[in-house]
Amino acid sequence: MQPIKWNEEFKIDIKEIDEQHKVILEIFNQIVASVEKKNEWQATSSIVDSLIHHAYRHFATEERYMIKHQYPGLPVHIDQHLDFIKKVTMLTQEVKEKGPDKQKEMIAYLAKWYYDHVLVIDKKYSHYLDIEEKR
């Protein structure tokens, strides 16, 4: 798996959220590097924990913007956030139980989630936000 490089296509034009997306992408790339180096799962697991921590913070930020602007898709978006946390938690447990093969499955899930989350899901709600939130 190759790291994902930040590009302008990922921007949703809300500085705070774009910066958080960059951090999540950096952490994802650290997970990829750790797995590629065949590090012990304990080392990779601490990076995954960091990803979950930043994801919680990021999701709270997004939800705050959505509430402020009365985004009609908020309940579905919150469910997607919860699904992400559940899936990463489940994959983390599977890696502990079943070994390195599950690490690649986790990376594939995270990469797909990142693209879907930023390029599809977040682009939808960004259109509902007042222009004052945009750069």
Protein backbone atom coordinates (compact mmCIF):
# COMPACT_ATOMS: atom_id res chain seq x y z
CA MET A 1 0.00 0.00 0.00
CA GLN A 2 1.29 3.40 -0.93
CA PRO A 3 0.91 6.47 1.28
CA ILE A 4 -1.73 8.97 0.24
CA LYS A 5 -0.45 12.44 -0.58
CA TRP A 6 -2.49 15.51 0.29
CA ASN A 7 -3.74 17.35 -2.75
CA GLU A 8 -6.05 20.26 -3.43
CA GLU A 9 -8.87 17.90 -4.36
CA PHE A 10 -9.20 17.01 -0.65
CA LYS A 11 -9.92 20.60 0.40
CA ILE A 12 -13.42 21.40 1.57
CA ASP A 13 -12.45 25.05 2.12
CA ILE A 14 -12.93 25.18 5.87
CA LYS A 15 -9.47 25.75 7.27
CA GLU A 16 -9.98 23.96 10.60
CA ILE A 17 -11.42 20.85 8.96
CA ASP A 18 -8.87 20.81 6.14
CA GLU A 19 -6.08 20.94 8.74
CA GLN A 20 -7.66 18.05 10.63
CA HIS A 21 -7.96 16.05 7.42
CA LYS A 22 -4.24 16.61 6.84
CA VAL A 23 -3.40 15.31 10.33
CA ILE A 24 -5.57 12.23 9.83
CA LEU A 25 -3.84 11.62 6.50
CA GLU A 26 -0.40 11.96 8.12
CA ILE A 27 -1.36 9.42 10.78
CA PHE A 28 -2.73 7.06 8.12
CA ASN A 29 0.60 7.30 6.30
CA GLN A 30 2.43 6.50 9.56
CA ILE A 31 0.31 3.34 9.87
CA VAL A 32 1.18 2.38 6.29
CA ALA A 33 4.90 2.94 6.95
CA SER A 34 4.77 0.93 10.17
CA VAL A 35 3.06 -2.02 8.50
CA GLU A 36 5.41 -1.88 5.51
CA LYS A 37 8.41 -2.00 7.89
CA LYS A 38 6.80 -5.04 9.50
CA ASN A 39 6.92 -3.38 12.92
CA GLU A 40 5.50 -5.22 15.88
CA TRP A 41 1.75 -4.71 16.13
CA GLN A 42 2.19 -2.94 19.46
CA ALA A 43 4.04 -0.08 17.70
CA THR A 44 1.46 0.11 14.92
CA SER A 45 -1.37 -0.17 17.41
CA SER A 46 -0.26 3.00 19.18
CA ILE A 47 -0.45 4.84 15.84
CA VAL A 48 -3.95 3.44 15.27
CA ASP A 49 -4.89 4.70 18.75
CA SER A 50 -3.64 8.14 17.71
CA LEU A 51 -5.79 7.95 14.58
CA ILE A 52 -8.87 7.13 16.64
CA HIS A 53 -8.11 10.00 19.03
CA HIS A 54 -7.78 12.48 16.16
CA ALA A 55 -10.85 11.07 14.45
CA TYR A 56 -12.96 11.70 17.57
CA ARG A 57 -11.70 15.28 17.70
CA HIS A 58 -12.31 15.75 13.98
CA PHE A 59 -15.80 14.27 14.11
CA ALA A 60 -16.73 16.58 16.99
CA THR A 61 -15.53 19.55 14.93
CA GLU A 62 -17.53 18.50 11.89
CA GLU A 63 -20.64 17.89 13.95
CA ARG A 64 -20.29 21.30 15.60
CA TYR A 65 -20.27 22.97 12.16
CA MET A 66 -23.22 20.87 11.01
CA ILE A 67 -25.26 21.74 14.10
CA LYS A 68 -24.44 25.43 13.72
CA HIS A 69 -25.64 25.42 10.12
CA GLN A 70 -28.52 22.99 10.64
CA TYR A 71 -27.20 20.48 8.14
CA PRO A 72 -30.10 18.14 7.32
CA GLY A 73 -27.83 15.11 6.90
CA LEU A 74 -26.41 15.34 10.43
CA PRO A 75 -27.98 12.12 11.84
CA VAL A 76 -26.66 10.05 8.93
CA HIS A 77 -23.24 11.71 9.19
CA ILE A 78 -23.05 10.95 12.92
CA ASP A 79 -23.90 7.30 12.17
CA GLN A 80 -21.05 7.21 9.65
CA HIS A 81 -18.67 8.56 12.29
CA LEU A 82 -19.77 5.88 14.74
CA ASP A 83 -19.45 3.18 12.08
CA PHE A 84 -15.86 4.26 11.43
CA ILE A 85 -14.89 4.02 15.11
CA LYS A 86 -16.60 0.62 15.44
CA LYS A 87 -14.92 -0.75 12.30
CA VAL A 88 -11.42 0.43 13.25
CA THR A 89 -11.88 -0.96 16.76
CA MET A 90 -13.04 -4.29 15.33
CA LEU A 91 -10.15 -4.43 12.85
CA THR A 92 -7.67 -3.62 15.62
CA GLN A 93 -8.98 -6.58 17.63
CA GLU A 94 -8.84 -8.85 14.57
CA VAL A 95 -5.21 -7.89 13.93
CA LYS A 96 -4.34 -8.79 17.53
CA GLU A 97 -6.10 -12.15 17.18
CA LYS A 98 -5.29 -13.12 13.58
CA GLY A 99 -1.98 -11.44 12.83
CA PRO A 100 -0.37 -9.43 10.06
CA ASP A 101 -2.73 -10.37 7.23
CA LYS A 102 -5.43 -8.28 8.90
CA GLN A 103 -3.11 -5.23 8.94
CA LYS A 104 -3.39 -4.88 5.18
CA GLU A 105 -7.16 -5.21 5.42
CA MET A 106 -7.15 -2.37 7.95
CA ILE A 107 -5.02 -0.18 5.68
CA ALA A 108 -7.29 -0.87 2.72
CA TYR A 109 -10.33 0.05 4.81
CA LEU A 110 -8.69 3.26 6.09
CA ALA A 111 -7.65 4.35 2.60
CA LYS A 112 -11.11 3.76 1.16
CA TRP A 113 -12.70 5.49 4.15
CA TYR A 114 -10.44 8.54 3.77
CA TYR A 115 -11.28 9.01 0.11
CA ASP A 116 -15.01 8.42 0.68
CA HIS A 117 -15.11 10.58 3.80
CA VAL A 118 -13.34 13.61 2.35
CA LEU A 119 -14.19 13.50 -1.35
CA VAL A 120 -17.81 12.39 -1.10
CA ILE A 121 -19.35 12.73 2.34
CA ASP A 122 -17.64 15.92 3.53
CA LYS A 123 -18.04 17.64 0.17
CA LYS A 124 -21.81 17.21 0.57
CA TYR A 125 -22.06 19.05 3.88
CA SER A 126 -19.55 21.75 2.98
CA HIS A 127 -22.11 23.20 0.56
CA TYR A 128 -24.51 23.85 3.44
CA LEU A 129 -22.11 25.94 5.48
CA ASP A 130 -22.29 29.72 5.42
CA ILE A 131 -19.71 31.47 3.29
CA GLU A 132 -18.25 33.02 6.49
CA GLU A 133 -16.88 29.60 7.42
CA LYS A 134 -15.06 29.33 4.13
CA ARG A 135 -11.62 30.77 3.59
